[in-house]
PDB file of N, CA and C in Angstrom:
ATOM      1  N   MET A   1      68.877  57.831 109.365  1.00  0.00           N
ATOM      2  CA  MET A   1      68.885  59.277 109.191  1.00  0.00           C
ATOM      3  C   MET A   1      68.939  59.557 107.891  1.00  0.00           C
ATOM      4  N   ALA A   2      68.348  60.546 107.333  1.00  0.00           N
ATOM      5  CA  ALA A   2      68.248  60.923 106.039  1.00  0.00           C
ATOM      6  C   ALA A   2      69.477  61.894 105.453  1.00  0.00           C
ATOM      7  N   GLU A   3      69.953  61.121 104.490  1.00  0.00           N
ATOM      8  CA  GLU A   3      71.071  62.508 104.451  1.00  0.00           C
ATOM      9  C   GLU A   3      70.690  63.719 103.796  1.00  0.00           C
ATOM     10  N   SER A   4      71.302  64.648 103.938  1.00  0.00           N
ATOM     11  CA  SER A   4      71.110  66.076 103.803  1.00  0.00           C
ATOM     12  C   SER A   4      71.892  66.305 102.078  1.00  0.00           C
ATOM     13  N   ASN A   5      71.223  66.947 101.130  1.00  0.00           N
ATOM     14  CA  ASN A   5      71.892  67.621  99.992  1.00  0.00           C
ATOM     15  C   ASN A   5      71.750  68.755 100.063  1.00  0.00           C
ATOM     16  N   VAL A   6      71.480  69.467 101.389  1.00  0.00           N
ATOM     17  CA  VAL A   6      71.606  70.903 101.233  1.00  0.00           C
ATOM     18  C   VAL A   6      73.018  71.698 101.014  1.00  0.00           C
ATOM     19  N   VAL A   7      73.425  72.669 100.295  1.00  0.00           N
ATOM     20  CA  VAL A   7      74.958  72.944 100.114  1.00  0.00           C
ATOM     21  C   VAL A   7      74.795  74.424 100.701  1.00  0.00           C
ATOM     22  N   ASN A   8      75.560  74.832 101.598  1.00  0.00           N
ATOM     23  CA  ASN A   8      75.943  76.081 102.011  1.00  0.00           C
ATOM     24  C   ASN A   8      76.914  77.157 101.109  1.00  0.00           C
ATOM     25  N   ILE A   9      76.405  77.733 100.865  1.00  0.00           N
ATOM     26  CA  ILE A   9      76.929  78.617  99.678  1.00  0.00           C
ATOM     27  C   ILE A   9      77.210  80.105 100.486  1.00  0.00           C
ATOM     28  N   ARG A  10      78.490  80.707 100.631  1.00  0.00           N
ATOM     29  CA  ARG A  10      78.737  81.770 101.164  1.00  0.00           C
ATOM     30  C   ARG A  10      79.288  82.911 100.302  1.00  0.00           C
ATOM     31  N   CYS A  11      78.724  83.857 100.202  1.00  0.00           N
ATOM     32  CA  CYS A  11      78.748  84.650  98.950  1.00  0.00           C
ATOM     33  C   CYS A  11      79.829  85.861  99.792  1.00  0.00           C
ATOM     34  N   ALA A  12      80.894  86.276  99.077  1.00  0.00           N
ATOM     35  CA  ALA A  12      81.758  87.660  99.326  1.00  0.00           C
ATOM     36  C   ALA A  12      80.951  88.993  98.944  1.00  0.00           C
ATOM     37  N   ASP A  13      80.905  89.785  99.956  1.00  0.00           N
ATOM     38  CA  ASP A  13      80.439  91.092  99.426  1.00  0.00           C
ATOM     39  C   ASP A  13      81.230  92.138  99.042  1.00  0.00           C
ATOM     40  N   VAL A  14      81.616  92.156  97.695  1.00  0.00           N
ATOM     41  CA  VAL A  14      82.908  93.151  97.557  1.00  0.00           C
ATOM     42  C   VAL A  14      82.578  94.568  97.563  1.00  0.00           C
ATOM     43  N   GLY A  15      81.340  94.531  97.733  1.00  0.00           N
ATOM     44  CA  GLY A  15      80.769  96.134  97.958  1.00  0.00           C
ATOM     45  C   GLY A  15      81.274  96.586  99.095  1.00  0.00           C
ATOM     46  N   LYS A  16      81.553  95.786 100.091  1.00  0.00           N
ATOM     47  CA  LYS A  16      81.681  96.329 101.434  1.00  0.00           C
ATOM     48  C   LYS A  16      83.429  96.543 101.413  1.00  0.00           C
ATOM     49  N   LEU A  17      84.124  95.716 100.687  1.00  0.00           N
ATOM     50  CA  LEU A  17      85.538  96.013 100.409  1.00  0.00           C
ATOM     51  C   LEU A  17      85.876  97.470  99.804  1.00  0.00           C
ATOM     52  N   GLU A  18      84.837  97.467  98.790  1.00  0.00           N
ATOM     53  CA  GLU A  18      84.869  98.916  97.888  1.00  0.00           C
ATOM     54  C   GLU A  18      84.105  99.827  98.703  1.00  0.00           C
ATOM     55  N   LYS A  19      83.400 100.033  99.619  1.00  0.00           N
ATOM     56  CA  LYS A  19      82.893 101.030 100.689  1.00  0.00           C
ATOM     57  C   LYS A  19      84.620 101.432 101.700  1.00  0.00           C
ATOM     58  N   PHE A  20      84.559 100.239 102.056  1.00  0.00           N
ATOM     59  CA  PHE A  20      86.061 100.312 103.287  1.00  0.00           C
ATOM     60  C   PHE A  20      87.223 101.192 102.288  1.00  0.00           C
ATOM     61  N   GLU A  21      87.148 100.910 101.218  1.00  0.00           N
ATOM     62  CA  GLU A  21      88.253 101.719 100.421  1.00  0.00           C
ATOM     63  C   GLU A  21      88.199 103.196 100.269  1.00  0.00           C
ATOM     64  N   SER A  22      86.562 103.111 100.111  1.00  0.00           N
ATOM     65  CA  SER A  22      86.416 104.777  99.726  1.00  0.00           C
ATOM     66  C   SER A  22      86.268 105.577 101.215  1.00  0.00           C
ATOM     67  N   ASP A  23      85.862 104.630 102.227  1.00  0.00           N
ATOM     68  CA  ASP A  23      85.382 105.539 103.414  1.00  0.00           C
ATOM     69  C   ASP A  23      87.007 105.675 103.622  1.00  0.00           C
ATOM     70  N   SER A  24      88.103 104.671 103.520  1.00  0.00           N
ATOM     71  CA  SER A  24      89.293 105.041 104.167  1.00  0.00           C
ATOM     72  C   SER A  24      90.242 106.086 103.522  1.00  0.00           C
ATOM     73  N   ASN A  25      89.838 106.213 102.360  1.00  0.00           N
ATOM     74  CA  ASN A  25      90.473 107.268 101.498  1.00  0.00           C
ATOM     75  C   ASN A  25      89.855 108.223 101.759  1.00  0.00           C
ATOM     76  N   ASP A  26      88.764 108.694 102.197  1.00  0.00           N
ATOM     77  CA  ASP A  26      88.362 109.997 102.883  1.00  0.00           C
ATOM     78  C   ASP A  26      88.746 110.166 104.230  1.00  0.00           C
ATOM     79  N   ALA A  27      88.970 109.173 105.068  1.00  0.00           N
ATOM     80  CA  ALA A  27      89.517 109.029 106.275  1.00  0.00           C
ATOM     81  C   ALA A  27      91.013 109.930 105.981  1.00  0.00           C
ATOM     82  N   ILE A  28      91.605 109.068 105.308  1.00  0.00           N
ATOM     83  CA  ILE A  28      93.087 109.448 105.244  1.00  0.00           C
ATOM     84  C   ILE A  28      93.017 111.181 104.598  1.00  0.00           C
ATOM     85  N   LYS A  29      92.326 111.548 103.740  1.00  0.00           N
ATOM     86  CA  LYS A  29      91.897 112.989 103.242  1.00  0.00           C
ATOM     87  C   LYS A  29      91.980 113.703 104.543  1.00  0.00           C
ATOM     88  N   GLU A  30      90.713 113.324 105.482  1.00  0.00           N
ATOM     89  CA  GLU A  30      90.561 114.180 106.212  1.00  0.00           C
ATOM     90  C   GLU A  30      91.589 114.213 107.382  1.00  0.00           C
ATOM     91  N   PHE A  31      92.726 113.381 107.673  1.00  0.00           N
ATOM     92  CA  PHE A  31      93.640 112.782 108.838  1.00  0.00           C
ATOM     93  C   PHE A  31      94.581 114.259 107.953  1.00  0.00           C
ATOM     94  N   ASN A  32      94.517 113.920 107.297  1.00  0.00           N
ATOM     95  CA  ASN A  32      95.624 114.940 106.237  1.00  0.00           C
ATOM     96  C   ASN A  32      95.506 116.199 106.849  1.00  0.00           C
ATOM     97  N   ARG A  33      94.169 116.896 106.302  1.00  0.00           N
ATOM     98  CA  ARG A  33      93.681 118.289 106.213  1.00  0.00           C
ATOM     99  C   ARG A  33      93.922 118.597 108.196  1.00  0.00           C
ATOM    100  N   ILE A  34      93.321 117.846 109.107  1.00  0.00           N
ATOM    101  CA  ILE A  34      93.850 117.826 110.592  1.00  0.00           C
ATOM    102  C   ILE A  34      95.050 118.302 110.655  1.00  0.00           C
ATOM    103  N   LYS A  35      95.663 117.592 110.431  1.00  0.00           N
ATOM    104  CA  LYS A  35      97.444 117.600 110.762  1.00  0.00           C
ATOM    105  C   LYS A  35      97.931 118.798 110.210  1.00  0.00           C
ATOM    106  N   THR A  36      97.536 119.177 108.702  1.00  0.00           N
ATOM    107  CA  THR A  36      98.081 120.465 108.026  1.00  0.00           C
ATOM    108  C   THR A  36      97.371 121.561 109.184  1.00  0.00           C
ATOM    109  N   LYS A  37      96.345 121.690 109.558  1.00  0.00           N
ATOM    110  CA  LYS A  37      95.589 122.415 110.432  1.00  0.00           C
ATOM    111  C   LYS A  37      96.079 122.887 111.473  1.00  0.00           C
ATOM    112  N   PHE A  38      96.776 121.539 112.316  1.00  0.00           N
ATOM    113  CA  PHE A  38      97.452 121.586 113.792  1.00  0.00           C
ATOM    114  C   PHE A  38      98.398 122.410 113.465  1.00  0.00           C
ATOM    115  N   LYS A  39      99.410 121.871 112.161  1.00  0.00           N
ATOM    116  CA  LYS A  39     100.907 122.358 111.685  1.00  0.00           C
ATOM    117  C   LYS A  39     100.529 123.898 111.606  1.00  0.00           C
ATOM    118  N   ASP A  40      99.485 124.387 110.665  1.00  0.00           N
ATOM    119  CA  ASP A  40      99.101 125.760 110.338  1.00  0.00           C
ATOM    120  C   ASP A  40      99.516 126.577 111.854  1.00  0.00           C
ATOM    121  N   ILE A  41      98.052 126.079 113.097  1.00  0.00           N
ATOM    122  CA  ILE A  41      97.983 126.867 113.969  1.00  0.00           C
ATOM    123  C   ILE A  41      99.151 126.922 114.963  1.00  0.00           C
ATOM    124  N   ASN A  42      99.945 125.962 114.955  1.00  0.00           N
ATOM    125  CA  ASN A  42     101.198 126.085 115.485  1.00  0.00           C
ATOM    126  C   ASN A  42     102.482 127.148 115.244  1.00  0.00           C
ATOM    127  N   ASP A  43     102.343 126.801 114.050  1.00  0.00           N
ATOM    128  CA  ASP A  43     103.584 127.714 113.402  1.00  0.00           C
ATOM    129  C   ASP A  43     103.034 128.963 113.653  1.00  0.00           C
ATOM    130  N   THR A  44     101.974 129.544 113.493  1.00  0.00           N
ATOM    131  CA  THR A  44     101.537 130.578 113.773  1.00  0.00           C
ATOM    132  C   THR A  44     101.750 131.143 115.127  1.00  0.00           C
ATOM    133  N   LEU A  45     101.232 130.546 116.327  1.00  0.00           N
ATOM    134  CA  LEU A  45     101.526 130.435 117.518  1.00  0.00           C
ATOM    135  C   LEU A  45     103.057 130.641 117.798  1.00  0.00           C
ATOM    136  N   LEU A  46     103.961 129.767 116.963  1.00  0.00           N
ATOM    137  CA  LEU A  46     105.526 129.797 117.305  1.00  0.00           C
ATOM    138  C   LEU A  46     105.939 131.242 116.816  1.00  0.00           C
ATOM    139  N   THR A  47     105.221 131.795 115.519  1.00  0.00           N
ATOM    140  CA  THR A  47     105.889 133.011 115.326  1.00  0.00           C
ATOM    141  C   THR A  47     105.686 134.248 116.099  1.00  0.00           C
ATOM    142  N   LYS A  48     104.634 134.120 117.168  1.00  0.00           N
ATOM    143  CA  LYS A  48     104.516 135.062 118.348  1.00  0.00           C
ATOM    144  C   LYS A  48     105.183 134.988 119.678  1.00  0.00           C
ATOM    145  N   TRP A  49     105.436 133.542 119.848  1.00  0.00           N
ATOM    146  CA  TRP A  49     105.688 133.203 121.272  1.00  0.00           C
ATOM    147  C   TRP A  49     107.249 132.817 121.204  1.00  0.00           C
ATOM    148  N   LYS A  50     107.999 133.468 122.167  1.00  0.00           N
ATOM    149  CA  LYS A  50     109.645 133.144 121.879  1.00  0.00           C
ATOM    150  C   LYS A  50     110.060 132.616 123.462  1.00  0.00           C
ATOM    151  N   GLY A  51     111.157 131.742 123.809  1.00  0.00           N
ATOM    152  CA  GLY A  51     111.854 131.751 125.010  1.00  0.00           C
ATOM    153  C   GLY A  51     111.882 130.296 124.889  1.00  0.00           C
ATOM    154  N   ALA A  52     112.089 129.819 126.441  1.00  0.00           N
ATOM    155  CA  ALA A  52     112.549 128.488 126.603  1.00  0.00           C
ATOM    156  C   ALA A  52     111.101 127.541 126.443  1.00  0.00           C
ATOM    157  N   GLY A  53     109.970 128.513 127.009  1.00  0.00           N
ATOM    158  CA  GLY A  53     108.831 127.626 126.641  1.00  0.00           C
ATOM    159  C   GLY A  53     108.580 127.198 125.806  1.00  0.00           C
ATOM    160  N   ALA A  54     108.532 128.311 124.526  1.00  0.00           N
ATOM    161  CA  ALA A  54     108.389 128.137 123.157  1.00  0.00           C
ATOM    162  C   ALA A  54     109.202 127.043 122.517  1.00  0.00           C
ATOM    163  N   ASP A  55     110.361 127.157 122.796  1.00  0.00           N
ATOM    164  CA  ASP A  55     111.526 126.030 122.774  1.00  0.00           C
ATOM    165  C   ASP A  55     110.885 124.410 122.464  1.00  0.00           C
ATOM    166  N   GLN A  56     110.569 124.367 123.869  1.00  0.00           N
ATOM    167  CA  GLN A  56     109.859 122.858 124.642  1.00  0.00           C
ATOM    168  C   GLN A  56     108.974 122.745 123.877  1.00  0.00           C
ATOM    169  N   TYR A  57     107.753 123.543 123.860  1.00  0.00           N
ATOM    170  CA  TYR A  57     106.695 123.391 123.260  1.00  0.00           C
ATOM    171  C   TYR A  57     106.917 123.157 121.550  1.00  0.00           C
ATOM    172  N   LYS A  58     107.783 123.756 121.182  1.00  0.00           N
ATOM    173  CA  LYS A  58     107.766 123.385 119.760  1.00  0.00           C
ATOM    174  C   LYS A  58     108.700 121.681 119.648  1.00  0.00           C
ATOM    175  N   THR A  59     109.439 121.453 120.328  1.00  0.00           N
ATOM    176  CA  THR A  59     109.973 120.103 120.633  1.00  0.00           C
ATOM    177  C   THR A  59     108.605 119.344 120.428  1.00  0.00           C
ATOM    178  N   GLU A  60     107.877 119.450 121.486  1.00  0.00           N
ATOM    179  CA  GLU A  60     106.424 118.502 121.503  1.00  0.00           C
ATOM    180  C   GLU A  60     105.728 118.392 120.478  1.00  0.00           C
ATOM    181  N   VAL A  61     105.487 119.451 119.848  1.00  0.00           N
ATOM    182  CA  VAL A  61     104.705 119.544 118.759  1.00  0.00           C
ATOM    183  C   VAL A  61     105.183 118.949 117.316  1.00  0.00           C
ATOM    184  N   ASP A  62     107.029 118.895 117.400  1.00  0.00           N
ATOM    185  CA  ASP A  62     107.677 118.382 116.367  1.00  0.00           C
ATOM    186  C   ASP A  62     107.512 116.731 116.718  1.00  0.00           C
ATOM    187  N   HIS A  63     107.804 116.200 117.920  1.00  0.00           N
ATOM    188  CA  HIS A  63     107.170 114.788 118.265  1.00  0.00           C
ATOM    189  C   HIS A  63     105.869 114.091 117.962  1.00  0.00           C
ATOM    190  N   ILE A  64     105.082 115.196 118.035  1.00  0.00           N
ATOM    191  CA  ILE A  64     103.548 114.889 117.701  1.00  0.00           C
ATOM    192  C   ILE A  64     103.345 114.628 116.287  1.00  0.00           C
ATOM    193  N   LEU A  65     103.917 115.714 115.614  1.00  0.00           N
ATOM    194  CA  LEU A  65     103.847 115.352 113.993  1.00  0.00           C
ATOM    195  C   LEU A  65     104.465 114.186 113.642  1.00  0.00           C
ATOM    196  N   GLU A  66     105.485 113.873 114.430  1.00  0.00           N
ATOM    197  CA  GLU A  66     106.528 112.659 113.693  1.00  0.00           C
ATOM    198  C   GLU A  66     105.422 111.633 113.978  1.00  0.00           C
ATOM    199  N   LYS A  67     104.913 111.552 115.034  1.00  0.00           N
ATOM    200  CA  LYS A  67     103.827 110.546 115.682  1.00  0.00           C
ATOM    201  C   LYS A  67     102.811 110.263 114.628  1.00  0.00           C
ATOM    202  N   ILE A  68     102.002 111.450 114.297  1.00  0.00           N
ATOM    203  CA  ILE A  68     101.031 111.711 113.379  1.00  0.00           C
ATOM    204  C   ILE A  68     101.586 111.140 112.036  1.00  0.00           C
ATOM    205  N   GLY A  69     102.503 111.242 111.523  1.00  0.00           N
ATOM    206  CA  GLY A  69     102.781 110.971 110.216  1.00  0.00           C
ATOM    207  C   GLY A  69     103.034 109.423 110.090  1.00  0.00           C
ATOM    208  N   SER A  70     103.549 108.680 111.039  1.00  0.00           N
ATOM    209  CA  SER A  70     103.227 107.278 111.114  1.00  0.00           C
ATOM    210  C   SER A  70     102.170 106.789 111.267  1.00  0.00           C
ATOM    211  N   VAL A  71     100.986 107.497 111.826  1.00  0.00           N
ATOM    212  CA  VAL A  71      99.615 106.710 111.745  1.00  0.00           C
ATOM    213  C   VAL A  71      98.948 106.894 110.356  1.00  0.00           C
ATOM    214  N   SER A  72      99.344 108.199 109.415  1.00  0.00           N
ATOM    215  CA  SER A  72      98.978 108.305 108.045  1.00  0.00           C
ATOM    216  C   SER A  72      99.596 107.184 107.675  1.00  0.00           C
ATOM    217  N   GLU A  73     100.762 106.670 107.472  1.00  0.00           N
ATOM    218  CA  GLU A  73     101.351 105.793 106.653  1.00  0.00           C
ATOM    219  C   GLU A  73     100.597 104.243 107.049  1.00  0.00           C
ATOM    220  N   VAL A  74     100.421 104.028 108.354  1.00  0.00           N
ATOM    221  CA  VAL A  74      99.556 102.846 108.762  1.00  0.00           C
ATOM    222  C   VAL A  74      98.316 102.956 108.080  1.00  0.00           C
ATOM    223  N   LEU A  75      97.408 103.824 107.879  1.00  0.00           N
ATOM    224  CA  LEU A  75      96.186 104.003 107.384  1.00  0.00           C
ATOM    225  C   LEU A  75      96.100 103.687 106.144  1.00  0.00           C
ATOM    226  N   GLU A  76      97.410 104.337 105.180  1.00  0.00           N
ATOM    227  CA  GLU A  76      97.389 104.221 104.062  1.00  0.00           C
ATOM    228  C   GLU A  76      97.764 102.740 103.516  1.00  0.00           C
ATOM    229  N   ALA A  77      98.487 102.105 104.346  1.00  0.00           N
ATOM    230  CA  ALA A  77      99.322 100.709 104.376  1.00  0.00           C
ATOM    231  C   ALA A  77      97.941  99.441 104.069  1.00  0.00           C
ATOM    232  N   ILE A  78      97.224 100.270 104.878  1.00  0.00           N
ATOM    233  CA  ILE A  78      95.616  99.196 105.540  1.00  0.00           C
ATOM    234  C   ILE A  78      95.005  99.276 104.172  1.00  0.00           C
ATOM    235  N   ASN A  79      94.743 100.646 103.731  1.00  0.00           N
ATOM    236  CA  ASN A  79      94.263 100.933 102.518  1.00  0.00           C
ATOM    237  C   ASN A  79      94.637 100.249 101.099  1.00  0.00           C
ATOM    238  N   ASN A  80      96.037 100.355 101.409  1.00  0.00           N
ATOM    239  CA  ASN A  80      96.387  99.683 100.046  1.00  0.00           C
ATOM    240  C   ASN A  80      96.435  97.902 100.186  1.00  0.00           C
ATOM    241  N   SER A  81      96.403  97.405 101.436  1.00  0.00           N
ATOM    242  CA  SER A  81      95.937  96.140 101.272  1.00  0.00           C
ATOM    243  C   SER A  81      94.592  95.571 101.102  1.00  0.00           C
ATOM    244  N   VAL A  82      93.881  96.667 101.476  1.00  0.00           N
ATOM    245  CA  VAL A  82      92.198  96.289 101.180  1.00  0.00           C
ATOM    246  C   VAL A  82      92.026  96.385  99.568  1.00  0.00           C
ATOM    247  N   LYS A  83      92.717  97.050  99.047  1.00  0.00           N
ATOM    248  CA  LYS A  83      92.589  97.412  97.629  1.00  0.00           C
ATOM    249  C   LYS A  83      93.112  96.076  96.884  1.00  0.00           C
ATOM    250  N   SER A  84      94.439  95.900  96.993  1.00  0.00           N
ATOM    251  CA  SER A  84      94.673  94.744  96.442  1.00  0.00           C
ATOM    252  C   SER A  84      94.056  93.523  96.775  1.00  0.00           C
ATOM    253  N   ILE A  85      93.591  93.090  97.915  1.00  0.00           N
ATOM    254  CA  ILE A  85      92.274  92.247  98.431  1.00  0.00           C
ATOM    255  C   ILE A  85      91.332  92.294  97.344  1.00  0.00           C
ATOM    256  N   LYS A  86      90.641  93.322  96.870  1.00  0.00           N
ATOM    257  CA  LYS A  86      89.507  93.453  96.159  1.00  0.00           C
ATOM    258  C   LYS A  86      89.651  93.234  94.841  1.00  0.00           C
ATOM    259  N   ASP A  87      91.273  93.955  94.212  1.00  0.00           N
ATOM    260  CA  ASP A  87      91.806  93.583  92.827  1.00  0.00           C
ATOM    261  C   ASP A  87      91.568  92.518  92.918  1.00  0.00           C
ATOM    262  N   THR A  88      92.493  91.327  93.597  1.00  0.00           N
ATOM    263  CA  THR A  88      92.906  89.759  93.612  1.00  0.00           C
ATOM    264  C   THR A  88      91.314  89.297  93.547  1.00  0.00           C
ATOM    265  N   TYR A  89      90.323  89.249  94.406  1.00  0.00           N
ATOM    266  CA  TYR A  89      89.011  88.682  94.197  1.00  0.00           C
ATOM    267  C   TYR A  89      88.529  89.028  92.759  1.00  0.00           C
ATOM    268  N   ASN A  90      88.473  90.338  92.530  1.00  0.00           N
ATOM    269  CA  ASN A  90      87.883  90.743  91.338  1.00  0.00           C
ATOM    270  C   ASN A  90      88.428  89.529  90.116  1.00  0.00           C
ATOM    271  N   GLN A  91      89.754  89.576  90.125  1.00  0.00           N
ATOM    272  CA  GLN A  91      90.185  89.048  89.017  1.00  0.00           C
ATOM    273  C   GLN A  91      90.133  87.647  89.036  1.00  0.00           C
ATOM    274  N   ILE A  92      90.184  87.126  90.259  1.00  0.00           N
ATOM    275  CA  ILE A  92      89.987  85.410  90.444  1.00  0.00           C
ATOM    276  C   ILE A  92      88.244  85.415  90.005  1.00  0.00           C
ATOM    277  N   ASP A  93      87.509  86.819  90.702  1.00  0.00           N
ATOM    278  CA  ASP A  93      86.048  86.187  89.926  1.00  0.00           C
ATOM    279  C   ASP A  93      85.637  86.126  88.432  1.00  0.00           C
ATOM    280  N   GLU A  94      86.700  87.244  88.145  1.00  0.00           N
ATOM    281  CA  GLU A  94      86.626  87.036  86.457  1.00  0.00           C
ATOM    282  C   GLU A  94      87.236  85.921  85.701  1.00  0.00           C
ATOM    283  N   ASP A  95      88.407  85.277  86.191  1.00  0.00           N
ATOM    284  CA  ASP A  95      89.122  84.197  85.630  1.00  0.00           C
ATOM    285  C   ASP A  95      87.725  82.667  85.670  1.00  0.00           C
ATOM    286  N   LEU A  96      87.328  82.929  87.229  1.00  0.00           N
ATOM    287  CA  LEU A  96      86.201  81.704  87.177  1.00  0.00           C
ATOM    288  C   LEU A  96      85.211  81.888  86.122  1.00  0.00           C
ATOM    289  N   GLY A  97      84.661  83.252  85.992  1.00  0.00           N
ATOM    290  CA  GLY A  97      83.714  83.351  84.915  1.00  0.00           C
ATOM    291  C   GLY A  97      83.594  82.774  83.645  1.00  0.00           C
ATOM    292  N   LYS A  98      84.996  83.415  83.470  1.00  0.00           N
ATOM    293  CA  LYS A  98      85.780  83.020  81.993  1.00  0.00           C
ATOM    294  C   LYS A  98      85.841  81.361  82.160  1.00  0.00           C
ATOM    295  N   PHE A  99      86.358  80.730  83.029  1.00  0.00           N
ATOM    296  CA  PHE A  99      86.169  79.150  82.872  1.00  0.00           C
ATOM    297  C   PHE A  99      84.949  78.514  82.884  1.00  0.00           C
ATOM    298  N   ASN A 100      84.140  78.977  83.808  1.00  0.00           N
ATOM    299  CA  ASN A 100      82.398  78.606  83.481  1.00  0.00           C
ATOM    300  C   ASN A 100      81.865  78.503  82.336  1.00  0.00           C
ATOM    301  N   GLU A 101      82.456  79.679  81.711  1.00  0.00           N
ATOM    302  CA  GLU A 101      81.978  79.559  80.111  1.00  0.00           C
ATOM    303  C   GLU A 101      82.331  78.400  79.293  1.00  0.00           C
ATOM    304  N   ASN A 102      83.157  77.991  79.258  1.00  0.00           N
ATOM    305  CA  ASN A 102      83.855  76.643  78.645  1.00  0.00           C
ATOM    306  C   ASN A 102      84.203  75.871  79.519  1.00  0.00           C
ATOM    307  N   PRO A 103      83.997  75.181  80.495  1.00  0.00           N
ATOM    308  CA  PRO A 103      84.969  74.365  81.218  1.00  0.00           C
ATOM    309  C   PRO A 103      85.681  73.402  81.012  1.00  0.00           C
ATOM    310  N   THR A 104      85.339  73.055  79.356  1.00  0.00           N
ATOM    311  CA  THR A 104      85.842  71.706  78.793  1.00  0.00           C
ATOM    312  C   THR A 104      87.005  72.326  77.628  1.00  0.00           C
ATOM    313  N   SER A 105      87.340  73.677  77.643  1.00  0.00           N
ATOM    314  CA  SER A 105      88.239  74.122  76.579  1.00  0.00           C
ATOM    315  C   SER A 105      89.662  73.752  77.443  1.00  0.00           C
ATOM    316  N   GLU A 106      90.745  73.941  76.927  1.00  0.00           N
ATOM    317  CA  GLU A 106      92.185  73.570  77.157  1.00  0.00           C
ATOM    318  C   GLU A 106      92.391  74.656  78.547  1.00  0.00           C
ATOM    319  N   GLU A 107      91.837  75.956  78.512  1.00  0.00           N
ATOM    320  CA  GLU A 107      91.956  76.651  80.066  1.00  0.00           C
ATOM    321  C   GLU A 107      91.324  75.643  81.055  1.00  0.00           C
ATOM    322  N   GLY A 108      89.884  75.137  81.016  1.00  0.00           N
ATOM    323  CA  GLY A 108      89.418  74.522  81.777  1.00  0.00           C
ATOM    324  C   GLY A 108      89.093  73.231  82.042  1.00  0.00           C
ATOM    325  N   SER A 109      90.375  72.348  81.415  1.00  0.00           N
ATOM    326  CA  SER A 109      90.483  70.983  81.422  1.00  0.00           C
ATOM    327  C   SER A 109      91.977  70.760  82.264  1.00  0.00           C
ATOM    328  N   ASP A 110      91.723  69.367  83.101  1.00  0.00           N
ATOM    329  CA  ASP A 110      92.939  68.889  83.905  1.00  0.00           C
ATOM    330  C   ASP A 110      94.100  68.527  83.438  1.00  0.00           C
ATOM    331  N   SER A 111      94.025  68.260  82.077  1.00  0.00           N
ATOM    332  CA  SER A 111      95.277  67.517  81.472  1.00  0.00           C
ATOM    333  C   SER A 111      96.276  68.914  80.636  1.00  0.00           C
TER     334      SER A 111
END
């Protein structure tokens, strides 16, 4: 059987990370817009509605807004992680580019 000299090279598509970062920023902004609108609608409703039913409804709305806030934090944490990964990848790529310009220099030597 002949020995194969084929090298499989895989490339990272940083553009996908950048698109995810951009899209997730847009999603976070839209999410916050919806949350603000939800709060405004309920605030308006509760200025006109009084009684035990209104009090219970407000408790539920407050609970929903609390949970929605944690979703927003998760989205932002995911987005920050993706940004960190992208930044690290770009730094490694830059460092490897510099190394490959002069691999026998002090920075590129094994000694």
